């Protein structure tokens, strides 16, 4: 192993992890219509947890 193998491996690993964290929605996705954000704002309480 040469001196560049570890830094190159880390660079490839970091690029792969960053590519996996894409925040773009898939093609063909449409947003929900009629969503009322005010209806869901406020304090929420947990009723049950599985």
N, C-alpha and C. Protein backbone atom coordinates (compact mmCIF):
# COMPACT_ATOMS: atom_id res chain seq x y z
N UNK A 1 0.85 -1.18 0.00
CA UNK A 1 0.00 0.00 0.00
C UNK A 1 0.89 1.24 0.00
N UNK A 2 0.51 2.18 -0.81
CA UNK A 2 1.29 3.41 -0.85
C UNK A 2 0.67 4.48 0.04
N UNK A 3 1.28 5.62 0.11
CA UNK A 3 0.85 6.69 1.02
C UNK A 3 -0.46 7.34 0.59
N UNK A 4 -0.86 7.19 -0.67
CA UNK A 4 -2.08 7.83 -1.16
C UNK A 4 -3.31 6.94 -1.07
N UNK A 5 -3.15 5.68 -0.74
CA UNK A 5 -4.31 4.77 -0.77
C UNK A 5 -5.34 5.11 0.31
N UNK A 6 -4.92 5.45 1.51
CA UNK A 6 -5.87 5.79 2.57
C UNK A 6 -6.60 7.10 2.29
N UNK A 7 -5.90 8.19 1.95
CA UNK A 7 -6.65 9.42 1.63
C UNK A 7 -7.58 9.27 0.44
N UNK A 8 -7.18 8.52 -0.57
CA UNK A 8 -8.06 8.31 -1.73
C UNK A 8 -9.27 7.48 -1.35
N UNK A 9 -9.08 6.48 -0.50
CA UNK A 9 -10.20 5.66 -0.05
C UNK A 9 -11.19 6.50 0.75
N UNK A 10 -10.67 7.37 1.63
CA UNK A 10 -11.55 8.23 2.41
C UNK A 10 -12.29 9.21 1.53
N UNK A 11 -11.64 9.73 0.51
CA UNK A 11 -12.28 10.66 -0.42
C UNK A 11 -13.41 9.96 -1.17
N UNK A 12 -13.18 8.77 -1.64
CA UNK A 12 -14.21 8.01 -2.35
C UNK A 12 -15.37 7.69 -1.41
N UNK A 13 -15.08 7.32 -0.18
CA UNK A 13 -16.13 7.02 0.80
C UNK A 13 -16.96 8.26 1.10
N UNK A 14 -16.32 9.40 1.30
CA UNK A 14 -17.05 10.64 1.58
C UNK A 14 -17.91 11.06 0.40
N UNK A 15 -17.41 10.94 -0.80
CA UNK A 15 -18.20 11.29 -1.99
C UNK A 15 -19.41 10.37 -2.12
N UNK A 16 -19.24 9.10 -1.82
CA UNK A 16 -20.35 8.17 -1.88
C UNK A 16 -21.41 8.48 -0.84
N UNK A 17 -20.98 8.84 0.37
CA UNK A 17 -21.94 9.18 1.41
C UNK A 17 -22.70 10.46 1.07
N UNK A 18 -22.01 11.45 0.53
CA UNK A 18 -22.67 12.69 0.16
C UNK A 18 -23.65 12.49 -1.00
N UNK A 19 -23.31 11.62 -1.92
CA UNK A 19 -24.21 11.35 -3.04
C UNK A 19 -25.46 10.60 -2.56
N UNK A 20 -25.34 9.80 -1.51
CA UNK A 20 -26.48 9.06 -0.99
C UNK A 20 -27.43 9.94 -0.21
N UNK A 21 -27.00 11.13 0.18
CA UNK A 21 -27.82 12.04 0.99
C UNK A 21 -28.50 13.10 0.13
N UNK A 22 -28.84 12.78 -1.07
CA UNK A 22 -29.49 13.74 -1.96
C UNK A 22 -30.87 14.07 -1.44
N UNK A 23 -31.25 15.34 -1.50
CA UNK A 23 -32.55 15.77 -1.00
C UNK A 23 -33.53 16.09 -2.12
N UNK A 24 -33.18 15.75 -3.33
CA UNK A 24 -34.08 15.99 -4.45
C UNK A 24 -35.19 14.94 -4.47
N UNK A 25 -36.44 15.37 -4.68
CA UNK A 25 -37.52 14.38 -4.73
C UNK A 25 -37.44 13.57 -6.02
N UNK A 26 -37.95 12.35 -6.00
CA UNK A 26 -37.96 11.53 -7.21
C UNK A 26 -38.84 12.15 -8.29
N UNK A 27 -38.61 11.79 -9.52
CA UNK A 27 -39.40 12.28 -10.64
C UNK A 27 -40.84 11.81 -10.50
N UNK A 28 -41.78 12.66 -10.86
CA UNK A 28 -43.18 12.30 -10.86
C UNK A 28 -43.90 12.54 -9.54
N UNK A 29 -43.22 13.10 -8.56
CA UNK A 29 -43.85 13.36 -7.26
C UNK A 29 -44.55 14.71 -7.32
N UNK A 30 -45.80 14.75 -6.88
CA UNK A 30 -46.55 16.00 -6.84
C UNK A 30 -46.91 16.33 -5.40
N UNK A 31 -46.88 17.58 -5.01
CA UNK A 31 -47.20 17.93 -3.62
C UNK A 31 -48.70 17.76 -3.33
N UNK A 32 -49.01 17.63 -2.08
CA UNK A 32 -50.39 17.47 -1.64
C UNK A 32 -51.10 18.81 -1.81
N UNK A 33 -52.33 18.76 -2.30
CA UNK A 33 -53.11 19.98 -2.43
C UNK A 33 -54.06 20.10 -1.25
N UNK A 34 -54.37 21.31 -0.86
CA UNK A 34 -55.29 21.53 0.23
C UNK A 34 -54.68 21.35 1.61
N UNK A 35 -53.37 21.38 1.73
CA UNK A 35 -52.72 21.22 3.02
C UNK A 35 -52.86 22.50 3.84
N UNK A 36 -53.27 22.37 5.08
CA UNK A 36 -53.45 23.53 5.97
C UNK A 36 -52.40 23.49 7.08
N UNK A 37 -51.28 24.22 6.94
CA UNK A 37 -50.23 24.15 7.96
C UNK A 37 -50.70 24.66 9.32
N UNK A 38 -51.61 25.62 9.37
CA UNK A 38 -52.08 26.14 10.66
C UNK A 38 -52.80 25.06 11.46
N UNK A 39 -53.39 24.11 10.79
CA UNK A 39 -54.11 23.03 11.47
C UNK A 39 -53.16 22.11 12.23
N UNK A 40 -51.93 22.03 11.78
CA UNK A 40 -50.96 21.13 12.38
C UNK A 40 -49.93 21.84 13.24
N UNK A 41 -50.01 23.14 13.39
CA UNK A 41 -49.05 23.86 14.22
C UNK A 41 -49.56 23.91 15.65
N UNK A 42 -48.65 24.09 16.57
CA UNK A 42 -49.01 24.15 17.97
C UNK A 42 -48.31 23.06 18.77
N UNK A 43 -48.80 22.78 19.93
CA UNK A 43 -48.18 21.79 20.81
C UNK A 43 -48.79 20.42 20.53
N UNK A 44 -47.92 19.45 20.36
CA UNK A 44 -48.36 18.08 20.10
C UNK A 44 -47.99 17.21 21.29
N UNK A 45 -48.83 16.27 21.58
CA UNK A 45 -48.58 15.33 22.66
C UNK A 45 -48.56 13.92 22.08
N UNK A 46 -47.68 13.13 22.64
CA UNK A 46 -47.59 11.75 22.20
C UNK A 46 -48.67 10.93 22.89
N UNK A 47 -49.51 10.27 22.12
CA UNK A 47 -50.60 9.48 22.69
C UNK A 47 -50.14 8.02 22.91
N UNK A 48 -49.45 7.47 21.95
CA UNK A 48 -49.00 6.08 22.09
C UNK A 48 -47.72 5.90 21.30
N UNK A 49 -46.96 4.94 21.71
CA UNK A 49 -45.73 4.59 21.01
C UNK A 49 -45.71 3.08 20.86
N UNK A 50 -45.48 2.59 19.64
CA UNK A 50 -45.48 1.12 19.45
C UNK A 50 -44.29 0.46 20.11
